[in-house]
Amino acid sequence: MQIVQQTKQAMRLGILVQGSQLPTAREVVATAAINPNTVHKAYRELEHEGLVESRRGAGTFVIRSLSRPAANADSSLREGLREWLHSALAAGLDREDARALFEAALEDVAPLTTGEGGHGQRAESTSPEKQDAQAPQHSSTEVRK
């Protein structure tokens, strides 16, 4: 659900932090022209995941952060990613090409597995050294197909 994904992204980037109030369903409906039931359903899903809580008469508030310092707007990782994106765009890639390349590289480094309930989860990342150690060893006399 797009509202859930956007809210989680804002939490990961430190835009929404613990104590932040989410916009009311009425405010979301007015700006996004979507069904209020969709907003309520998204907020219930976030609440079920333990990320927000609804306070009757007060609104919906973030109770758990997803933010990591390395993902903040001023982090060196984000700056490095910006530089990579500038290079990709300068090389002639458009947004979708850059996104596809990034997602392919992410899949190479941290493959997505299907967890309980069919939700994708990142498999535990393996360092290049561990990958080499786990790779099957071939003798020089083996015939490779």
N, C-alpha and C. Protein backbone atom coordinates (compact mmCIF):
# COMPACT_ATOMS: atom_id res chain seq x y z
N MET A 1 0.85 -1.17 0.00
CA MET A 1 0.00 0.00 0.00
C MET A 1 0.90 1.24 0.00
N GLN A 2 0.64 2.16 -0.89
CA GLN A 2 1.50 3.31 -1.09
C GLN A 2 1.64 4.19 0.16
N ILE A 3 0.57 4.40 0.88
CA ILE A 3 0.65 5.24 2.09
C ILE A 3 1.59 4.60 3.11
N VAL A 4 1.49 3.30 3.27
CA VAL A 4 2.35 2.59 4.22
C VAL A 4 3.80 2.71 3.78
N GLN A 5 4.08 2.47 2.50
CA GLN A 5 5.45 2.55 1.99
C GLN A 5 6.03 3.95 2.15
N GLN A 6 5.24 4.96 1.82
CA GLN A 6 5.73 6.34 1.93
C GLN A 6 5.97 6.73 3.38
N THR A 7 5.11 6.27 4.28
CA THR A 7 5.29 6.57 5.70
C THR A 7 6.55 5.90 6.22
N LYS A 8 6.76 4.65 5.86
CA LYS A 8 7.96 3.94 6.30
C LYS A 8 9.22 4.59 5.73
N GLN A 9 9.15 5.03 4.48
CA GLN A 9 10.31 5.71 3.88
C GLN A 9 10.62 6.99 4.65
N ALA A 10 9.60 7.75 4.98
CA ALA A 10 9.81 8.98 5.76
C ALA A 10 10.40 8.66 7.13
N MET A 11 10.00 7.53 7.71
CA MET A 11 10.55 7.12 9.01
C MET A 11 12.02 6.71 8.86
N ARG A 12 12.34 5.98 7.80
CA ARG A 12 13.72 5.54 7.58
C ARG A 12 14.66 6.72 7.33
N LEU A 13 14.15 7.74 6.67
CA LEU A 13 14.98 8.90 6.34
C LEU A 13 15.02 9.93 7.46
N GLY A 14 14.33 9.66 8.54
CA GLY A 14 14.35 10.58 9.68
C GLY A 14 13.42 11.77 9.52
N ILE A 15 12.55 11.74 8.51
CA ILE A 15 11.59 12.82 8.31
C ILE A 15 10.48 12.70 9.36
N LEU A 16 10.03 11.47 9.60
CA LEU A 16 9.09 11.18 10.68
C LEU A 16 9.88 10.46 11.78
N VAL A 17 9.85 11.00 12.97
CA VAL A 17 10.58 10.42 14.10
C VAL A 17 9.59 10.10 15.23
N GLN A 18 10.08 9.41 16.23
CA GLN A 18 9.24 9.08 17.36
C GLN A 18 8.60 10.35 17.92
N GLY A 19 7.27 10.32 18.05
CA GLY A 19 6.52 11.48 18.54
C GLY A 19 5.89 12.30 17.43
N SER A 20 6.32 12.11 16.19
CA SER A 20 5.74 12.85 15.06
C SER A 20 4.28 12.46 14.89
N GLN A 21 3.46 13.45 14.57
CA GLN A 21 2.04 13.19 14.31
C GLN A 21 1.82 13.05 12.82
N LEU A 22 1.14 11.98 12.43
CA LEU A 22 0.78 11.79 11.04
C LEU A 22 -0.38 12.71 10.69
N PRO A 23 -0.50 13.07 9.42
CA PRO A 23 -1.65 13.89 9.04
C PRO A 23 -2.95 13.12 9.28
N THR A 24 -4.01 13.84 9.56
CA THR A 24 -5.29 13.17 9.76
C THR A 24 -5.77 12.59 8.43
N ALA A 25 -6.68 11.63 8.51
CA ALA A 25 -7.24 11.04 7.30
C ALA A 25 -7.87 12.12 6.44
N ARG A 26 -8.54 13.07 7.07
CA ARG A 26 -9.18 14.17 6.34
C ARG A 26 -8.13 14.99 5.57
N GLU A 27 -6.99 15.26 6.20
CA GLU A 27 -5.92 16.02 5.53
C GLU A 27 -5.35 15.24 4.34
N VAL A 28 -5.15 13.94 4.53
CA VAL A 28 -4.61 13.11 3.44
C VAL A 28 -5.59 13.08 2.28
N VAL A 29 -6.86 12.89 2.59
CA VAL A 29 -7.89 12.84 1.56
C VAL A 29 -7.95 14.16 0.78
N ALA A 30 -7.82 15.27 1.48
CA ALA A 30 -7.88 16.58 0.83
C ALA A 30 -6.70 16.81 -0.11
N THR A 31 -5.52 16.30 0.25
CA THR A 31 -4.34 16.54 -0.59
C THR A 31 -4.13 15.45 -1.65
N ALA A 32 -4.56 14.23 -1.36
CA ALA A 32 -4.29 13.12 -2.28
C ALA A 32 -5.53 12.62 -3.02
N ALA A 33 -6.68 13.10 -2.66
CA ALA A 33 -7.93 12.70 -3.31
C ALA A 33 -8.09 11.18 -3.35
N ILE A 34 -7.95 10.55 -2.18
CA ILE A 34 -8.16 9.10 -2.07
C ILE A 34 -9.25 8.83 -1.05
N ASN A 35 -9.73 7.63 -1.03
CA ASN A 35 -10.80 7.23 -0.14
C ASN A 35 -10.33 7.25 1.32
N PRO A 36 -11.09 7.83 2.22
CA PRO A 36 -10.70 7.86 3.64
C PRO A 36 -10.48 6.46 4.21
N ASN A 37 -11.25 5.48 3.73
CA ASN A 37 -11.06 4.11 4.22
C ASN A 37 -9.67 3.59 3.90
N THR A 38 -9.10 4.02 2.77
CA THR A 38 -7.75 3.61 2.39
C THR A 38 -6.74 4.16 3.41
N VAL A 39 -6.91 5.39 3.81
CA VAL A 39 -6.02 6.01 4.79
C VAL A 39 -6.16 5.29 6.13
N HIS A 40 -7.39 5.05 6.56
CA HIS A 40 -7.60 4.36 7.84
C HIS A 40 -6.99 2.96 7.82
N LYS A 41 -7.13 2.27 6.69
CA LYS A 41 -6.57 0.92 6.57
C LYS A 41 -5.04 0.98 6.66
N ALA A 42 -4.42 1.95 5.99
CA ALA A 42 -2.97 2.10 6.03
C ALA A 42 -2.50 2.39 7.46
N TYR A 43 -3.19 3.29 8.14
CA TYR A 43 -2.81 3.63 9.51
C TYR A 43 -2.98 2.43 10.43
N ARG A 44 -4.03 1.62 10.20
CA ARG A 44 -4.21 0.39 11.01
C ARG A 44 -3.06 -0.58 10.77
N GLU A 45 -2.62 -0.69 9.51
CA GLU A 45 -1.49 -1.58 9.20
C GLU A 45 -0.22 -1.11 9.90
N LEU A 46 0.03 0.19 9.88
CA LEU A 46 1.20 0.74 10.56
C LEU A 46 1.10 0.51 12.08
N GLU A 47 -0.11 0.63 12.60
CA GLU A 47 -0.33 0.40 14.03
C GLU A 47 -0.11 -1.08 14.36
N HIS A 48 -0.60 -1.96 13.51
CA HIS A 48 -0.42 -3.40 13.70
C HIS A 48 1.06 -3.77 13.70
N GLU A 49 1.86 -3.06 12.91
CA GLU A 49 3.30 -3.30 12.85
C GLU A 49 4.05 -2.66 14.01
N GLY A 50 3.32 -1.95 14.88
CA GLY A 50 3.94 -1.35 16.04
C GLY A 50 4.72 -0.08 15.75
N LEU A 51 4.40 0.59 14.64
CA LEU A 51 5.12 1.80 14.26
C LEU A 51 4.41 3.07 14.71
N VAL A 52 3.09 3.02 14.76
CA VAL A 52 2.31 4.19 15.16
C VAL A 52 1.24 3.76 16.15
N GLU A 53 0.69 4.75 16.85
CA GLU A 53 -0.48 4.48 17.69
C GLU A 53 -1.49 5.60 17.50
N SER A 54 -2.76 5.20 17.50
CA SER A 54 -3.85 6.17 17.40
C SER A 54 -4.26 6.56 18.80
N ARG A 55 -4.40 7.86 19.01
CA ARG A 55 -4.86 8.39 20.29
C ARG A 55 -6.18 9.10 20.03
N ARG A 56 -7.23 8.53 20.57
CA ARG A 56 -8.58 9.06 20.33
C ARG A 56 -8.63 10.55 20.62
N GLY A 57 -9.08 11.29 19.63
CA GLY A 57 -9.23 12.73 19.77
C GLY A 57 -7.94 13.52 19.58
N ALA A 58 -6.79 12.82 19.51
CA ALA A 58 -5.52 13.53 19.38
C ALA A 58 -4.84 13.28 18.04
N GLY A 59 -5.03 12.08 17.47
CA GLY A 59 -4.41 11.78 16.18
C GLY A 59 -3.61 10.50 16.21
N THR A 60 -2.78 10.32 15.20
CA THR A 60 -1.94 9.14 15.07
C THR A 60 -0.49 9.58 15.15
N PHE A 61 0.28 8.89 16.01
CA PHE A 61 1.64 9.31 16.31
C PHE A 61 2.64 8.17 16.09
N VAL A 62 3.84 8.54 15.65
CA VAL A 62 4.92 7.57 15.47
C VAL A 62 5.42 7.17 16.86
N ILE A 63 5.49 5.87 17.09
CA ILE A 63 5.98 5.40 18.40
C ILE A 63 7.30 4.63 18.29
N ARG A 64 7.72 4.31 17.06
CA ARG A 64 8.98 3.59 16.88
C ARG A 64 9.65 4.12 15.63
N SER A 65 10.91 4.40 15.73
CA SER A 65 11.65 4.95 14.60
C SER A 65 12.24 3.84 13.74
N LEU A 66 12.32 4.07 12.46
CA LEU A 66 13.00 3.18 11.54
C LEU A 66 14.30 3.82 11.05
N SER A 67 14.56 5.04 11.53
CA SER A 67 15.70 5.81 11.06
C SER A 67 17.01 5.22 11.57
N ARG A 68 17.99 5.23 10.67
CA ARG A 68 19.36 4.86 11.03
C ARG A 68 20.22 6.04 10.63
N PRO A 69 21.19 6.41 11.46
CA PRO A 69 22.01 7.59 11.14
C PRO A 69 22.61 7.55 9.74
N ALA A 70 22.97 6.38 9.24
CA ALA A 70 23.59 6.29 7.91
C ALA A 70 22.61 6.65 6.79
N ALA A 71 21.30 6.66 7.07
CA ALA A 71 20.31 6.97 6.05
C ALA A 71 19.84 8.43 6.09
N ASN A 72 20.28 9.18 7.08
CA ASN A 72 19.85 10.57 7.20
C ASN A 72 20.32 11.40 6.01
N ALA A 73 19.64 12.52 5.82
CA ALA A 73 19.89 13.38 4.66
C ALA A 73 21.33 13.87 4.58
N ASP A 74 22.01 14.01 5.71
CA ASP A 74 23.37 14.54 5.70
C ASP A 74 24.44 13.46 5.86
N SER A 75 24.08 12.20 5.66
CA SER A 75 25.05 11.12 5.85
C SER A 75 26.00 11.00 4.67
N SER A 76 27.18 10.45 4.92
CA SER A 76 28.16 10.26 3.84
C SER A 76 27.68 9.19 2.85
N LEU A 77 26.93 8.20 3.33
CA LEU A 77 26.38 7.20 2.42
C LEU A 77 25.42 7.83 1.42
N ARG A 78 24.56 8.70 1.93
CA ARG A 78 23.61 9.35 1.04
C ARG A 78 24.33 10.25 0.04
N GLU A 79 25.36 10.94 0.49
CA GLU A 79 26.14 11.80 -0.40
C GLU A 79 26.82 10.96 -1.48
N GLY A 80 27.36 9.80 -1.11
CA GLY A 80 27.97 8.91 -2.09
C GLY A 80 26.96 8.41 -3.11
N LEU A 81 25.76 8.12 -2.65
CA LEU A 81 24.71 7.67 -3.55
C LEU A 81 24.30 8.80 -4.50
N ARG A 82 24.24 10.03 -3.98
CA ARG A 82 23.94 11.18 -4.85
C ARG A 82 24.99 11.31 -5.95
N GLU A 83 26.26 11.16 -5.57
CA GLU A 83 27.35 11.26 -6.55
C GLU A 83 27.21 10.17 -7.61
N TRP A 84 26.88 8.93 -7.17
CA TRP A 84 26.69 7.83 -8.11
C TRP A 84 25.53 8.15 -9.06
N LEU A 85 24.45 8.69 -8.53
CA LEU A 85 23.29 9.03 -9.36
C LEU A 85 23.64 10.12 -10.37
N HIS A 86 24.41 11.12 -9.96
CA HIS A 86 24.85 12.16 -10.91
C HIS A 86 25.66 11.52 -12.04
N SER A 87 26.54 10.58 -11.68
CA SER A 87 27.35 9.88 -12.70
C SER A 87 26.46 9.07 -13.63
N ALA A 88 25.49 8.37 -13.07
CA ALA A 88 24.59 7.54 -13.88
C ALA A 88 23.79 8.40 -14.85
N LEU A 89 23.26 9.52 -14.36
CA LEU A 89 22.48 10.41 -15.22
C LEU A 89 23.37 11.05 -16.29
N ALA A 90 24.59 11.41 -15.91
CA ALA A 90 25.53 12.00 -16.87
C ALA A 90 25.92 10.98 -17.94
N ALA A 91 25.87 9.69 -17.60
CA ALA A 91 26.20 8.63 -18.55
C ALA A 91 25.03 8.31 -19.48
N GLY A 92 23.89 9.02 -19.27
CA GLY A 92 22.76 8.85 -20.17
C GLY A 92 21.63 7.99 -19.62
N LEU A 93 21.76 7.49 -18.41
CA LEU A 93 20.67 6.71 -17.84
C LEU A 93 19.55 7.66 -17.40
N ASP A 94 18.30 7.21 -17.53
CA ASP A 94 17.19 7.99 -16.98
C ASP A 94 16.88 7.44 -15.59
N ARG A 95 15.88 8.01 -14.94
CA ARG A 95 15.53 7.60 -13.57
C ARG A 95 15.24 6.12 -13.47
N GLU A 96 14.47 5.60 -14.41
CA GLU A 96 14.10 4.18 -14.36
C GLU A 96 15.31 3.28 -14.61
N ASP A 97 16.21 3.69 -15.52
CA ASP A 97 17.44 2.92 -15.76
C ASP A 97 18.29 2.89 -14.49
N ALA A 98 18.46 4.05 -13.85
CA ALA A 98 19.26 4.13 -12.62
C ALA A 98 18.63 3.30 -11.52
N ARG A 99 17.31 3.37 -11.40
CA ARG A 99 16.61 2.58 -10.38
C ARG A 99 16.81 1.09 -10.63
N ALA A 100 16.67 0.67 -11.88
CA ALA A 100 16.84 -0.75 -12.22
C ALA A 100 18.27 -1.21 -11.93
N LEU A 101 19.25 -0.39 -12.28
CA LEU A 101 20.65 -0.74 -12.01
C LEU A 101 20.90 -0.83 -10.51
N PHE A 102 20.39 0.15 -9.75
CA PHE A 102 20.55 0.13 -8.30
C PHE A 102 19.91 -1.12 -7.70
N GLU A 103 18.69 -1.43 -8.12
CA GLU A 103 17.98 -2.59 -7.57
C GLU A 103 18.68 -3.90 -7.94
N ALA A 104 19.24 -3.98 -9.14
CA ALA A 104 19.98 -5.17 -9.53
C ALA A 104 21.23 -5.33 -8.67
N ALA A 105 21.94 -4.23 -8.44
CA ALA A 105 23.13 -4.29 -7.58
C ALA A 105 22.75 -4.63 -6.14
N LEU A 106 21.65 -4.08 -5.66
CA LEU A 106 21.18 -4.40 -4.31
C LEU A 106 20.84 -5.88 -4.21
N GLU A 107 20.22 -6.41 -5.23
CA GLU A 107 19.88 -7.84 -5.25
C GLU A 107 21.15 -8.70 -5.26
N ASP A 108 22.20 -8.23 -5.96
CA ASP A 108 23.48 -8.95 -5.96
C ASP A 108 24.08 -9.02 -4.56
N VAL A 109 23.99 -7.90 -3.83
CA VAL A 109 24.63 -7.80 -2.52
C VAL A 109 23.75 -8.36 -1.40
N ALA A 110 22.46 -8.09 -1.46
CA ALA A 110 21.53 -8.50 -0.41
C ALA A 110 20.27 -9.05 -1.05
N PRO A 111 20.30 -10.32 -1.48
CA PRO A 111 19.14 -10.90 -2.17
C PRO A 111 17.87 -10.85 -1.33
N LEU A 112 16.76 -10.64 -2.00
CA LEU A 112 15.45 -10.60 -1.36
C LEU A 112 14.94 -12.02 -1.26
N THR A 113 14.52 -12.40 -0.05
CA THR A 113 13.94 -13.72 0.14
C THR A 113 12.48 -13.56 0.48
N THR A 114 11.71 -14.59 0.31
CA THR A 114 10.30 -14.52 0.66
C THR A 114 10.16 -15.03 2.08
N GLY A 115 9.69 -14.15 2.95
CA GLY A 115 9.51 -14.50 4.35
C GLY A 115 8.10 -14.96 4.62
N GLU A 116 7.78 -15.05 5.89
CA GLU A 116 6.44 -15.46 6.31
C GLU A 116 5.40 -14.54 5.73
N GLY A 117 4.32 -15.09 5.23
CA GLY A 117 3.24 -14.27 4.69
C GLY A 117 3.53 -13.71 3.32
N GLY A 118 4.65 -14.17 2.70
CA GLY A 118 4.95 -13.72 1.35
C GLY A 118 5.61 -12.37 1.27
N HIS A 119 5.97 -11.76 2.41
CA HIS A 119 6.62 -10.46 2.39
C HIS A 119 8.10 -10.66 2.14
N GLY A 120 8.65 -9.88 1.23
CA GLY A 120 10.07 -9.99 0.93
C GLY A 120 10.91 -9.44 2.07
N GLN A 121 11.96 -10.16 2.39
CA GLN A 121 12.90 -9.71 3.40
C GLN A 121 14.28 -9.90 2.84
N ARG A 122 15.19 -9.03 3.22
CA ARG A 122 16.57 -9.15 2.76
C ARG A 122 17.22 -10.31 3.49
N ALA A 123 17.90 -11.15 2.72
CA ALA A 123 18.68 -12.23 3.32
C ALA A 123 19.87 -11.59 4.02
N GLU A 124 20.46 -12.29 4.97
CA GLU A 124 21.63 -11.77 5.67
C GLU A 124 22.73 -11.51 4.67
N SER A 125 23.30 -10.32 4.72
CA SER A 125 24.34 -9.94 3.78
C SER A 125 25.61 -10.74 4.05
N THR A 126 26.26 -11.15 2.99
CA THR A 126 27.49 -11.90 3.10
C THR A 126 28.62 -11.08 2.51
N SER A 127 29.69 -10.93 3.26
CA SER A 127 30.82 -10.15 2.77
C SER A 127 31.48 -10.89 1.61
N PRO A 128 32.23 -10.17 0.76
CA PRO A 128 32.91 -10.83 -0.36
C PRO A 128 33.86 -11.95 0.12
N GLU A 129 34.51 -11.73 1.29
CA GLU A 129 35.41 -12.75 1.81
C GLU A 129 34.64 -14.02 2.15
N LYS A 130 33.47 -13.86 2.79
CA LYS A 130 32.65 -15.02 3.14
C LYS A 130 32.11 -15.68 1.89
N GLN A 131 31.76 -14.88 0.87
CA GLN A 131 31.26 -15.45 -0.38
C GLN A 131 32.33 -16.32 -1.02
N ASP A 132 33.60 -15.84 -1.02
CA ASP A 132 34.70 -16.62 -1.59
C ASP A 132 34.88 -17.93 -0.83
N ALA A 133 34.78 -17.85 0.50
CA ALA A 133 34.96 -19.04 1.32
C ALA A 133 33.82 -20.04 1.09
N GLN A 134 32.63 -19.54 0.76
CA GLN A 134 31.47 -20.42 0.57
C GLN A 134 31.38 -20.96 -0.85
N ALA A 135 32.11 -20.36 -1.78
CA ALA A 135 32.04 -20.78 -3.18
C ALA A 135 32.64 -22.16 -3.33
N PRO A 136 32.04 -22.99 -4.19
CA PRO A 136 32.60 -24.32 -4.41
C PRO A 136 33.99 -24.20 -5.01
N GLN A 137 34.88 -25.03 -4.53
CA GLN A 137 36.26 -25.02 -5.02
C GLN A 137 36.39 -26.03 -6.15
N HIS A 138 37.03 -25.64 -7.23
CA HIS A 138 37.25 -26.52 -8.37
C HIS A 138 38.73 -26.78 -8.51
N SER A 139 39.09 -28.02 -8.78
CA SER A 139 40.51 -28.30 -9.02
C SER A 139 40.82 -27.90 -10.46
N SER A 140 42.07 -27.71 -10.75
CA SER A 140 42.46 -27.27 -12.09
C SER A 140 42.25 -28.35 -13.14
N THR A 141 42.04 -29.62 -12.70
CA THR A 141 41.82 -30.69 -13.66
C THR A 141 40.36 -30.94 -13.96
N GLU A 142 39.45 -30.25 -13.23
CA GLU A 142 38.03 -30.42 -13.49
C GLU A 142 37.65 -29.80 -14.83
N VAL A 143 36.73 -30.44 -15.48
CA VAL A 143 36.20 -29.89 -16.73
C VAL A 143 34.99 -29.05 -16.40
N ARG A 144 35.02 -27.80 -16.81
CA ARG A 144 33.88 -26.91 -16.54
C ARG A 144 32.99 -26.86 -17.76
N LYS A 145 31.71 -26.87 -17.53
CA LYS A 145 30.74 -26.82 -18.62
C LYS A 145 30.49 -25.40 -19.03
